[in-house]
Amino acid sequence: MKSATQDYIDKEEAAERKPVELYHLWREDGSEHWYYTSGDVLVTYDTHDYVPATLRRTSVNYQAEIDVTSMKITTAFVETPVLEFIAVNPIEILWVSVMKLFRDQDPLEESVIFVGQIKNVSFKGAQATIDCVGFEQFLKEPVPVYRYQLTCNNSLFDANCGKLKADYKVTETVFVNDAKTKLTGALFGDKEGGYFTGGEAVFGHQSVSIVAHVGAEITLTHKMQGITDSDSVDVYPGCDGRAETCRDKYDNILNFFGFPFIPLENPAMRVTW
């Protein structure tokens, strides 16, 4: 009876020891999570089941300069939540983490390869290519965040603004045009024209910006997926950041954080004759 050579045993063990990669995707608010693995069978780790999917990725390079890392994930068959990107890139942030795991290790211990966000998704047939950027992108944010400017530095409904978003929610049963970019509801007509301009319409996990509000109709920046007549939508007003809007529309001038009296003309550049 022949016995296996050491070379054969080494190769066999190497094949068994080949790691799998775990892909975790989730919404920023934590409301939904998706778990996939590049392996050929389901992997259970940290109480989560990672479903086999046809995934591969590019390498991730880390540099001492702390440049923003990037990575591309390619999937042969479009999976959720990537399906949401077919019509338009979602406004909300979707996070991605990639981990490496040896299935024969006891206890299991992952090695984190990448943590970042989905930046863009492109499609070719049934294949999707997901462009991801690393967490370092937050280091590229401008500092300071507050500026001397005519409009308010606060964002509507943030902590500094002080207004509660729930107090301004309008829930309406709507009628939708064929393009799904215009919503009509009687409650919208109760507000003066432009009240909802710059605000948002929320349906399920979709949040779409409102670019116009005339009478009982609001116009969205892009198609709202899956919505039909008689669906219920939550709509919120917008703010253009002007002091007059803060005072008259929201009665919140005490929290206005702009500088409306900055001279528009530079005295040093004034020409006198």
C-alpha atoms as a PDB file:
ATOM      1  CA  MET A   1       0.000   0.000   0.000  1.00  0.00           C
ATOM      2  CA  LYS A   2       1.381   3.347  -1.016  1.00  0.00           C
ATOM      3  CA  SER A   3       1.716   6.089   1.569  1.00  0.00           C
ATOM      4  CA  ALA A   4       1.236   9.769   0.756  1.00  0.00           C
ATOM      5  CA  THR A   5       4.402  11.752   0.285  1.00  0.00           C
ATOM      6  CA  GLN A   6       5.142  14.702   2.533  1.00  0.00           C
ATOM      7  CA  ASP A   7       4.879  16.998  -0.491  1.00  0.00           C
ATOM      8  CA  TYR A   8       1.339  15.732  -1.182  1.00  0.00           C
ATOM      9  CA  ILE A   9       0.368  16.128   2.473  1.00  0.00           C
ATOM     10  CA  ASP A  10       1.712  19.698   2.511  1.00  0.00           C
ATOM     11  CA  LYS A  11      -0.282  20.606  -0.587  1.00  0.00           C
ATOM     12  CA  GLU A  12      -3.446  18.996   0.781  1.00  0.00           C
ATOM     13  CA  GLU A  13      -3.136  20.855   4.069  1.00  0.00           C
ATOM     14  CA  ALA A  14      -2.477  24.103   2.213  1.00  0.00           C
ATOM     15  CA  ALA A  15      -5.715  23.620   0.231  1.00  0.00           C
ATOM     16  CA  GLU A  16      -7.694  22.961   3.387  1.00  0.00           C
ATOM     17  CA  ARG A  17      -6.103  25.941   5.093  1.00  0.00           C
ATOM     18  CA  LYS A  18      -7.051  28.327   2.289  1.00  0.00           C
ATOM     19  CA  PRO A  19      -8.896  31.211   3.984  1.00  0.00           C
ATOM     20  CA  VAL A  20     -12.303  32.542   3.028  1.00  0.00           C
ATOM     21  CA  GLU A  21     -13.274  36.184   3.022  1.00  0.00           C
ATOM     22  CA  LEU A  22     -16.306  37.541   4.847  1.00  0.00           C
ATOM     23  CA  TYR A  23     -18.150  40.561   3.450  1.00  0.00           C
ATOM     24  CA  HIS A  24     -20.400  42.547   5.760  1.00  0.00           C
ATOM     25  CA  LEU A  25     -22.519  45.381   4.348  1.00  0.00           C
ATOM     26  CA  TRP A  26     -24.840  47.559   6.415  1.00  0.00           C
ATOM     27  CA  ARG A  27     -26.806  50.771   6.374  1.00  0.00           C
ATOM     28  CA  GLU A  28     -25.386  53.648   8.399  1.00  0.00           C
ATOM     29  CA  ASP A  29     -28.423  53.677  10.692  1.00  0.00           C
ATOM     30  CA  GLY A  30     -27.905  49.963  11.401  1.00  0.00           C
ATOM     31  CA  SER A  31     -31.397  49.039  10.238  1.00  0.00           C
ATOM     32  CA  GLU A  32     -30.235  46.370   7.775  1.00  0.00           C
ATOM     33  CA  HIS A  33     -27.188  44.118   7.469  1.00  0.00           C
ATOM     34  CA  TRP A  34     -26.068  41.720   4.736  1.00  0.00           C
ATOM     35  CA  TYR A  35     -23.492  38.944   5.137  1.00  0.00           C
ATOM     36  CA  TYR A  36     -21.688  37.183   2.263  1.00  0.00           C
ATOM     37  CA  THR A  37     -18.646  34.959   1.909  1.00  0.00           C
ATOM     38  CA  SER A  38     -16.354  34.170  -0.984  1.00  0.00           C
ATOM     39  CA  GLY A  39     -16.297  30.553   0.206  1.00  0.00           C
ATOM     40  CA  ASP A  40     -18.275  27.713  -1.337  1.00  0.00           C
ATOM     41  CA  VAL A  41     -20.355  26.926   1.759  1.00  0.00           C
ATOM     42  CA  LEU A  42     -22.185  28.939   4.391  1.00  0.00           C
ATOM     43  CA  VAL A  43     -19.918  30.261   7.160  1.00  0.00           C
ATOM     44  CA  THR A  44     -21.246  31.013  10.619  1.00  0.00           C
ATOM     45  CA  TYR A  45     -19.152  33.491  12.552  1.00  0.00           C
ATOM     46  CA  ASP A  46     -19.982  35.705  15.521  1.00  0.00           C
ATOM     47  CA  THR A  47     -23.624  34.515  15.410  1.00  0.00           C
ATOM     48  CA  HIS A  48     -24.023  35.664  11.783  1.00  0.00           C
ATOM     49  CA  ASP A  49     -24.487  33.418   8.736  1.00  0.00           C
ATOM     50  CA  TYR A  50     -22.365  34.454   5.753  1.00  0.00           C
ATOM     51  CA  VAL A  51     -24.030  33.253   2.549  1.00  0.00           C
ATOM     52  CA  PRO A  52     -21.830  32.053  -0.360  1.00  0.00           C
ATOM     53  CA  ALA A  53     -21.640  34.585  -3.198  1.00  0.00           C
ATOM     54  CA  THR A  54     -19.504  34.964  -6.293  1.00  0.00           C
ATOM     55  CA  LEU A  55     -17.257  37.747  -5.030  1.00  0.00           C
ATOM     56  CA  ARG A  56     -13.721  38.844  -5.687  1.00  0.00           C
ATOM     57  CA  ARG A  57     -11.854  42.032  -4.858  1.00  0.00           C
ATOM     58  CA  THR A  58      -8.776  44.019  -5.725  1.00  0.00           C
ATOM     59  CA  SER A  59      -5.877  44.390  -3.318  1.00  0.00           C
ATOM     60  CA  VAL A  60      -5.881  47.099  -0.660  1.00  0.00           C
ATOM     61  CA  ASN A  61      -2.758  49.250  -0.314  1.00  0.00           C
ATOM     62  CA  TYR A  62      -1.942  51.091   2.893  1.00  0.00           C
ATOM     63  CA  GLN A  63       0.507  53.999   2.917  1.00  0.00           C
ATOM     64  CA  ALA A  64       2.244  55.999   5.628  1.00  0.00           C
ATOM     65  CA  GLU A  65       0.825  59.225   4.131  1.00  0.00           C
ATOM     66  CA  ILE A  66      -2.670  58.095   5.183  1.00  0.00           C
ATOM     67  CA  ASP A  67      -4.031  58.508   1.684  1.00  0.00           C
ATOM     68  CA  VAL A  68      -7.581  57.290   1.199  1.00  0.00           C
ATOM     69  CA  THR A  69      -7.527  53.559   0.486  1.00  0.00           C
ATOM     70  CA  SER A  70      -9.705  52.145  -2.243  1.00  0.00           C
ATOM     71  CA  MET A  71     -10.941  48.728  -3.260  1.00  0.00           C
ATOM     72  CA  LYS A  72     -13.145  47.253  -5.969  1.00  0.00           C
ATOM     73  CA  ILE A  73     -15.475  44.326  -5.333  1.00  0.00           C
ATOM     74  CA  THR A  74     -16.806  42.411  -8.313  1.00  0.00           C
ATOM     75  CA  THR A  75     -19.820  40.147  -8.080  1.00  0.00           C
ATOM     76  CA  ALA A  76     -20.917  37.890 -10.934  1.00  0.00           C
ATOM     77  CA  PHE A  77     -24.565  38.021  -9.864  1.00  0.00           C
ATOM     78  CA  VAL A  78     -26.094  41.209  -8.497  1.00  0.00           C
ATOM     79  CA  GLU A  79     -26.991  40.798  -4.832  1.00  0.00           C
ATOM     80  CA  THR A  80     -28.889  42.943  -2.322  1.00  0.00           C
ATOM     81  CA  PRO A  81     -28.192  45.774  -1.455  1.00  0.00           C
ATOM     82  CA  VAL A  82     -26.249  46.375  -4.701  1.00  0.00           C
ATOM     83  CA  LEU A  83     -29.555  46.060  -6.571  1.00  0.00           C
ATOM     84  CA  GLU A  84     -30.492  49.474  -5.168  1.00  0.00           C
ATOM     85  CA  PHE A  85     -27.749  51.090  -7.241  1.00  0.00           C
ATOM     86  CA  ILE A  86     -29.162  49.994 -10.623  1.00  0.00           C
ATOM     87  CA  ALA A  87     -31.429  53.013 -11.004  1.00  0.00           C
ATOM     88  CA  VAL A  88     -29.430  55.582  -9.046  1.00  0.00           C
ATOM     89  CA  ASN A  89     -26.797  55.678  -6.339  1.00  0.00           C
ATOM     90  CA  PRO A  90     -28.505  55.767  -2.924  1.00  0.00           C
ATOM     91  CA  ILE A  91     -28.055  58.972  -0.976  1.00  0.00           C
ATOM     92  CA  GLU A  92     -27.609  57.165   2.322  1.00  0.00           C
ATOM     93  CA  ILE A  93     -24.253  55.683   3.306  1.00  0.00           C
ATOM     94  CA  LEU A  94     -23.651  51.952   2.971  1.00  0.00           C
ATOM     95  CA  TRP A  95     -20.701  50.575   4.941  1.00  0.00           C
ATOM     96  CA  VAL A  96     -18.516  47.633   3.930  1.00  0.00           C
ATOM     97  CA  SER A  97     -16.085  45.517   5.876  1.00  0.00           C
ATOM     98  CA  VAL A  98     -13.968  42.668   4.515  1.00  0.00           C
ATOM     99  CA  MET A  99     -12.418  40.056   6.804  1.00  0.00           C
ATOM    100  CA  LYS A 100     -10.263  36.988   6.229  1.00  0.00           C
ATOM    101  CA  LEU A 101     -10.996  33.797   8.142  1.00  0.00           C
ATOM    102  CA  PHE A 102      -9.464  30.299   8.348  1.00  0.00           C
ATOM    103  CA  ARG A 103     -12.357  27.871   8.683  1.00  0.00           C
ATOM    104  CA  ASP A 104     -10.275  25.151  10.392  1.00  0.00           C
ATOM    105  CA  GLN A 105      -9.039  27.486  13.113  1.00  0.00           C
ATOM    106  CA  ASP A 106     -10.285  26.837  16.636  1.00  0.00           C
ATOM    107  CA  PRO A 107     -11.408  29.201  17.981  1.00  0.00           C
ATOM    108  CA  LEU A 108     -12.247  31.211  14.842  1.00  0.00           C
ATOM    109  CA  GLU A 109     -10.533  34.558  14.613  1.00  0.00           C
ATOM    110  CA  GLU A 110     -10.919  37.037  11.767  1.00  0.00           C
ATOM    111  CA  SER A 111      -8.359  39.391  10.256  1.00  0.00           C
ATOM    112  CA  VAL A 112      -9.854  42.698   9.135  1.00  0.00           C
ATOM    113  CA  ILE A 113      -8.714  43.706   5.654  1.00  0.00           C
ATOM    114  CA  PHE A 114     -10.843  46.737   4.865  1.00  0.00           C
ATOM    115  CA  VAL A 115     -13.492  49.018   6.387  1.00  0.00           C
ATOM    116  CA  GLY A 116     -15.084  51.727   4.300  1.00  0.00           C
ATOM    117  CA  GLN A 117     -18.074  52.868   2.301  1.00  0.00           C
ATOM    118  CA  ILE A 118     -19.588  52.213  -1.104  1.00  0.00           C
ATOM    119  CA  LYS A 119     -18.787  55.146  -3.368  1.00  0.00           C
ATOM    120  CA  ASN A 120     -20.203  53.971  -6.672  1.00  0.00           C
ATOM    121  CA  VAL A 121     -21.518  50.877  -8.447  1.00  0.00           C
ATOM    122  CA  SER A 122     -21.315  50.142 -12.173  1.00  0.00           C
ATOM    123  CA  PHE A 123     -23.051  47.343 -14.046  1.00  0.00           C
ATOM    124  CA  LYS A 124     -22.275  45.207 -17.052  1.00  0.00           C
ATOM    125  CA  GLY A 125     -24.914  42.558 -17.678  1.00  0.00           C
ATOM    126  CA  ALA A 126     -25.420  40.571 -14.491  1.00  0.00           C
ATOM    127  CA  GLN A 127     -22.031  41.665 -13.129  1.00  0.00           C
ATOM    128  CA  ALA A 128     -21.584  44.583 -10.755  1.00  0.00           C
ATOM    129  CA  THR A 129     -18.371  46.402  -9.828  1.00  0.00           C
ATOM    130  CA  ILE A 130     -18.488  48.127  -6.450  1.00  0.00           C
ATOM    131  CA  ASP A 131     -16.078  51.017  -5.818  1.00  0.00           C
ATOM    132  CA  CYS A 132     -15.263  51.384  -2.128  1.00  0.00           C
ATOM    133  CA  VAL A 133     -13.293  54.061  -0.280  1.00  0.00           C
ATOM    134  CA  GLY A 134     -11.637  53.631   3.098  1.00  0.00           C
ATOM    135  CA  PHE A 135     -12.459  55.231   6.417  1.00  0.00           C
ATOM    136  CA  GLU A 136      -9.541  57.629   5.891  1.00  0.00           C
ATOM    137  CA  GLN A 137     -11.726  59.778   3.648  1.00  0.00           C
ATOM    138  CA  PHE A 138     -13.027  61.509   6.774  1.00  0.00           C
ATOM    139  CA  LEU A 139      -9.534  62.931   7.262  1.00  0.00           C
ATOM    140  CA  LYS A 140     -10.081  64.885   4.031  1.00  0.00           C
ATOM    141  CA  GLU A 141     -12.939  66.899   5.529  1.00  0.00           C
ATOM    142  CA  PRO A 142     -12.261  70.667   5.562  1.00  0.00           C
ATOM    143  CA  VAL A 143     -11.244  72.239   8.874  1.00  0.00           C
ATOM    144  CA  PRO A 144     -12.627  74.387  10.364  1.00  0.00           C
ATOM    145  CA  VAL A 145     -16.170  73.330   9.522  1.00  0.00           C
ATOM    146  CA  TYR A 146     -17.640  76.716  10.451  1.00  0.00           C
ATOM    147  CA  ARG A 147     -17.083  79.725   8.223  1.00  0.00           C
ATOM    148  CA  TYR A 148     -17.887  83.408   8.138  1.00  0.00           C
ATOM    149  CA  GLN A 149     -20.718  83.338   5.604  1.00  0.00           C
ATOM    150  CA  LEU A 150     -24.101  84.880   4.940  1.00  0.00           C
ATOM    151  CA  THR A 151     -25.999  81.599   5.318  1.00  0.00           C
ATOM    152  CA  CYS A 152     -26.313  79.456   8.433  1.00  0.00           C
ATOM    153  CA  ASN A 153     -23.507  77.026   9.302  1.00  0.00           C
ATOM    154  CA  ASN A 154     -25.974  74.651  10.931  1.00  0.00           C
ATOM    155  CA  SER A 155     -27.829  71.915   9.111  1.00  0.00           C
ATOM    156  CA  LEU A 156     -31.594  71.825   9.442  1.00  0.00           C
ATOM    157  CA  PHE A 157     -32.673  69.648  12.407  1.00  0.00           C
ATOM    158  CA  ASP A 158     -29.134  69.074  13.698  1.00  0.00           C
ATOM    159  CA  ALA A 159     -28.226  69.591  17.369  1.00  0.00           C
ATOM    160  CA  ASN A 160     -27.170  73.204  16.877  1.00  0.00           C
ATOM    161  CA  CYS A 161     -30.281  74.031  14.900  1.00  0.00           C
ATOM    162  CA  GLY A 162     -32.371  72.684  17.758  1.00  0.00           C
ATOM    163  CA  LYS A 163     -35.518  71.996  15.758  1.00  0.00           C
ATOM    164  CA  LEU A 164     -36.971  68.475  15.993  1.00  0.00           C
ATOM    165  CA  LYS A 165     -37.383  66.777  12.628  1.00  0.00           C
ATOM    166  CA  ALA A 166     -40.402  64.797  13.825  1.00  0.00           C
ATOM    167  CA  ASP A 167     -42.300  68.045  14.518  1.00  0.00           C
ATOM    168  CA  TYR A 168     -42.173  68.945  10.822  1.00  0.00           C
ATOM    169  CA  LYS A 169     -42.994  65.542   9.326  1.00  0.00           C
ATOM    170  CA  VAL A 170     -45.951  65.456   6.960  1.00  0.00           C
ATOM    171  CA  THR A 171     -47.236  61.945   6.210  1.00  0.00           C
ATOM    172  CA  GLU A 172     -49.360  61.780   3.090  1.00  0.00           C
ATOM    173  CA  THR A 173     -50.959  59.192   0.814  1.00  0.00           C
ATOM    174  CA  VAL A 174     -49.722  60.179  -2.622  1.00  0.00           C
ATOM    175  CA  PHE A 175     -50.428  59.822  -6.311  1.00  0.00           C
ATOM    176  CA  VAL A 176     -47.346  59.177  -8.448  1.00  0.00           C
ATOM    177  CA  ASN A 177     -46.563  60.061 -12.053  1.00  0.00           C
ATOM    178  CA  ASP A 178     -45.268  57.432 -14.487  1.00  0.00           C
ATOM    179  CA  ALA A 179     -41.637  58.523 -14.019  1.00  0.00           C
ATOM    180  CA  LYS A 180     -42.051  58.298 -10.224  1.00  0.00           C
ATOM    181  CA  THR A 181     -40.429  61.710  -9.834  1.00  0.00           C
ATOM    182  CA  LYS A 182     -43.560  63.709  -8.910  1.00  0.00           C
ATOM    183  CA  LEU A 183     -45.752  63.087  -5.871  1.00  0.00           C
ATOM    184  CA  THR A 184     -49.169  64.663  -5.414  1.00  0.00           C
ATOM    185  CA  GLY A 185     -51.014  64.909  -2.104  1.00  0.00           C
ATOM    186  CA  ALA A 186     -53.668  67.188  -0.646  1.00  0.00           C
ATOM    187  CA  LEU A 187     -51.601  67.966   2.458  1.00  0.00           C
ATOM    188  CA  PHE A 188     -48.811  69.362   0.297  1.00  0.00           C
ATOM    189  CA  GLY A 189     -51.247  72.005  -0.968  1.00  0.00           C
ATOM    190  CA  ASP A 190     -51.924  73.158   2.580  1.00  0.00           C
ATOM    191  CA  LYS A 191     -48.425  74.627   2.679  1.00  0.00           C
ATOM    192  CA  GLU A 192     -47.329  77.665   0.717  1.00  0.00           C
ATOM    193  CA  GLY A 193     -45.428  77.044  -2.509  1.00  0.00           C
ATOM    194  CA  GLY A 194     -41.759  76.200  -1.976  1.00  0.00           C
ATOM    195  CA  TYR A 195     -42.266  75.061   1.625  1.00  0.00           C
ATOM    196  CA  PHE A 196     -40.909  71.562   0.889  1.00  0.00           C
ATOM    197  CA  THR A 197     -38.267  72.685  -1.648  1.00  0.00           C
ATOM    198  CA  GLY A 198     -34.839  71.554  -0.466  1.00  0.00           C
ATOM    199  CA  GLY A 199     -36.401  69.019   1.884  1.00  0.00           C
ATOM    200  CA  GLU A 200     -36.734  65.268   1.510  1.00  0.00           C
ATOM    201  CA  ALA A 201     -39.314  62.585   0.821  1.00  0.00           C
ATOM    202  CA  VAL A 202     -38.849  59.289   2.667  1.00  0.00           C
ATOM    203  CA  PHE A 203     -40.322  55.986   1.497  1.00  0.00           C
ATOM    204  CA  GLY A 204     -39.007  52.869   3.178  1.00  0.00           C
ATOM    205  CA  HIS A 205     -35.214  53.186   3.214  1.00  0.00           C
ATOM    206  CA  GLN A 206     -35.203  55.683   0.364  1.00  0.00           C
ATOM    207  CA  SER A 207     -34.628  59.349   1.068  1.00  0.00           C
ATOM    208  CA  VAL A 208     -34.940  61.516  -2.033  1.00  0.00           C
ATOM    209  CA  SER A 209     -34.352  65.270  -2.162  1.00  0.00           C
ATOM    210  CA  ILE A 210     -37.162  67.589  -3.207  1.00  0.00           C
ATOM    211  CA  VAL A 211     -36.263  70.150  -5.883  1.00  0.00           C
ATOM    212  CA  ALA A 212     -39.639  71.852  -6.308  1.00  0.00           C
ATOM    213  CA  HIS A 213     -42.945  72.288  -4.500  1.00  0.00           C
ATOM    214  CA  VAL A 214     -45.856  73.878  -6.319  1.00  0.00           C
ATOM    215  CA  GLY A 215     -49.382  73.576  -4.960  1.00  0.00           C
ATOM    216  CA  ALA A 216     -50.169  69.946  -4.091  1.00  0.00           C
ATOM    217  CA  GLU A 217     -47.220  68.555  -6.076  1.00  0.00           C
ATOM    218  CA  ILE A 218     -43.585  67.997  -5.139  1.00  0.00           C
ATOM    219  CA  THR A 219     -40.827  67.117  -7.600  1.00  0.00           C
ATOM    220  CA  LEU A 220     -37.971  64.785  -6.685  1.00  0.00           C
ATOM    221  CA  THR A 221     -34.364  64.802  -7.872  1.00  0.00           C
ATOM    222  CA  HIS A 222     -34.674  61.244  -9.183  1.00  0.00           C
ATOM    223  CA  LYS A 223     -37.008  58.260  -9.420  1.00  0.00           C
ATOM    224  CA  MET A 224     -38.316  56.809  -6.172  1.00  0.00           C
ATOM    225  CA  GLN A 225     -38.106  53.035  -6.431  1.00  0.00           C
ATOM    226  CA  GLY A 226     -41.115  50.804  -5.815  1.00  0.00           C
ATOM    227  CA  ILE A 227     -43.608  53.539  -4.976  1.00  0.00           C
ATOM    228  CA  THR A 228     -47.152  53.353  -6.372  1.00  0.00           C
ATOM    229  CA  ASP A 229     -50.397  55.278  -6.026  1.00  0.00           C
ATOM    230  CA  SER A 230     -51.886  55.236  -2.516  1.00  0.00           C
ATOM    231  CA  ASP A 231     -48.530  54.582  -0.847  1.00  0.00           C
ATOM    232  CA  SER A 232     -47.721  56.612   2.259  1.00  0.00           C
ATOM    233  CA  VAL A 233     -44.708  58.944   2.189  1.00  0.00           C
ATOM    234  CA  ASP A 234     -43.069  61.041   4.905  1.00  0.00           C
ATOM    235  CA  VAL A 235     -42.123  64.509   3.682  1.00  0.00           C
ATOM    236  CA  TYR A 236     -39.975  67.123   5.410  1.00  0.00           C
ATOM    237  CA  PRO A 237     -39.455  70.807   4.548  1.00  0.00           C
ATOM    238  CA  GLY A 238     -36.159  72.322   3.469  1.00  0.00           C
ATOM    239  CA  CYS A 239     -34.121  75.333   4.493  1.00  0.00           C
ATOM    240  CA  ASP A 240     -32.067  77.657   2.286  1.00  0.00           C
ATOM    241  CA  GLY A 241     -29.951  78.819   5.225  1.00  0.00           C
ATOM    242  CA  ARG A 242     -31.026  82.469   5.081  1.00  0.00           C
ATOM    243  CA  ALA A 243     -31.717  84.431   8.253  1.00  0.00           C
ATOM    244  CA  GLU A 244     -35.173  85.384   6.955  1.00  0.00           C
ATOM    245  CA  THR A 245     -36.090  81.721   6.485  1.00  0.00           C
ATOM    246  CA  CYS A 246     -34.840  80.839   9.955  1.00  0.00           C
ATOM    247  CA  ARG A 247     -36.922  83.660  11.460  1.00  0.00           C
ATOM    248  CA  ASP A 248     -40.141  83.450   9.448  1.00  0.00           C
ATOM    249  CA  LYS A 249     -40.423  79.756   8.583  1.00  0.00           C
ATOM    250  CA  TYR A 250     -38.972  78.111  11.674  1.00  0.00           C
ATOM    251  CA  ASP A 251     -39.117  80.880  14.318  1.00  0.00           C
ATOM    252  CA  ASN A 252     -35.550  79.941  15.201  1.00  0.00           C
ATOM    253  CA  ILE A 253     -33.517  83.094  14.700  1.00  0.00           C
ATOM    254  CA  LEU A 254     -31.831  82.697  18.102  1.00  0.00           C
ATOM    255  CA  ASN A 255     -30.077  79.565  16.785  1.00  0.00           C
ATOM    256  CA  PHE A 256     -29.129  81.103  13.450  1.00  0.00           C
ATOM    257  CA  PHE A 257     -25.378  80.614  12.938  1.00  0.00           C
ATOM    258  CA  GLY A 258     -24.618  82.797   9.965  1.00  0.00           C
ATOM    259  CA  PHE A 259     -23.341  86.328   9.436  1.00  0.00           C
ATOM    260  CA  PRO A 260     -25.990  88.091   7.344  1.00  0.00           C
ATOM    261  CA  PHE A 261     -24.475  91.552   7.741  1.00  0.00           C
ATOM    262  CA  ILE A 262     -21.083  90.803   6.223  1.00  0.00           C
ATOM    263  CA  PRO A 263     -20.421  93.526   3.626  1.00  0.00           C
ATOM    264  CA  LEU A 264     -20.730  92.205   0.107  1.00  0.00           C
ATOM    265  CA  GLU A 265     -18.345  94.836  -1.205  1.00  0.00           C
ATOM    266  CA  ASN A 266     -14.671  94.899  -0.255  1.00  0.00           C
ATOM    267  CA  PRO A 267     -13.896  98.496   0.821  1.00  0.00           C
ATOM    268  CA  ALA A 268     -10.267  98.043  -0.199  1.00  0.00           C
ATOM    269  CA  MET A 269     -11.379  97.411  -3.779  1.00  0.00           C
ATOM    270  CA  ARG A 270     -13.834 100.311  -3.938  1.00  0.00           C
ATOM    271  CA  VAL A 271     -13.123 102.701  -6.768  1.00  0.00           C
ATOM    272  CA  THR A 272     -13.651 106.413  -6.071  1.00  0.00           C
ATOM    273  CA  TRP A 273     -13.613 109.101  -8.699  1.00  0.00           C
END
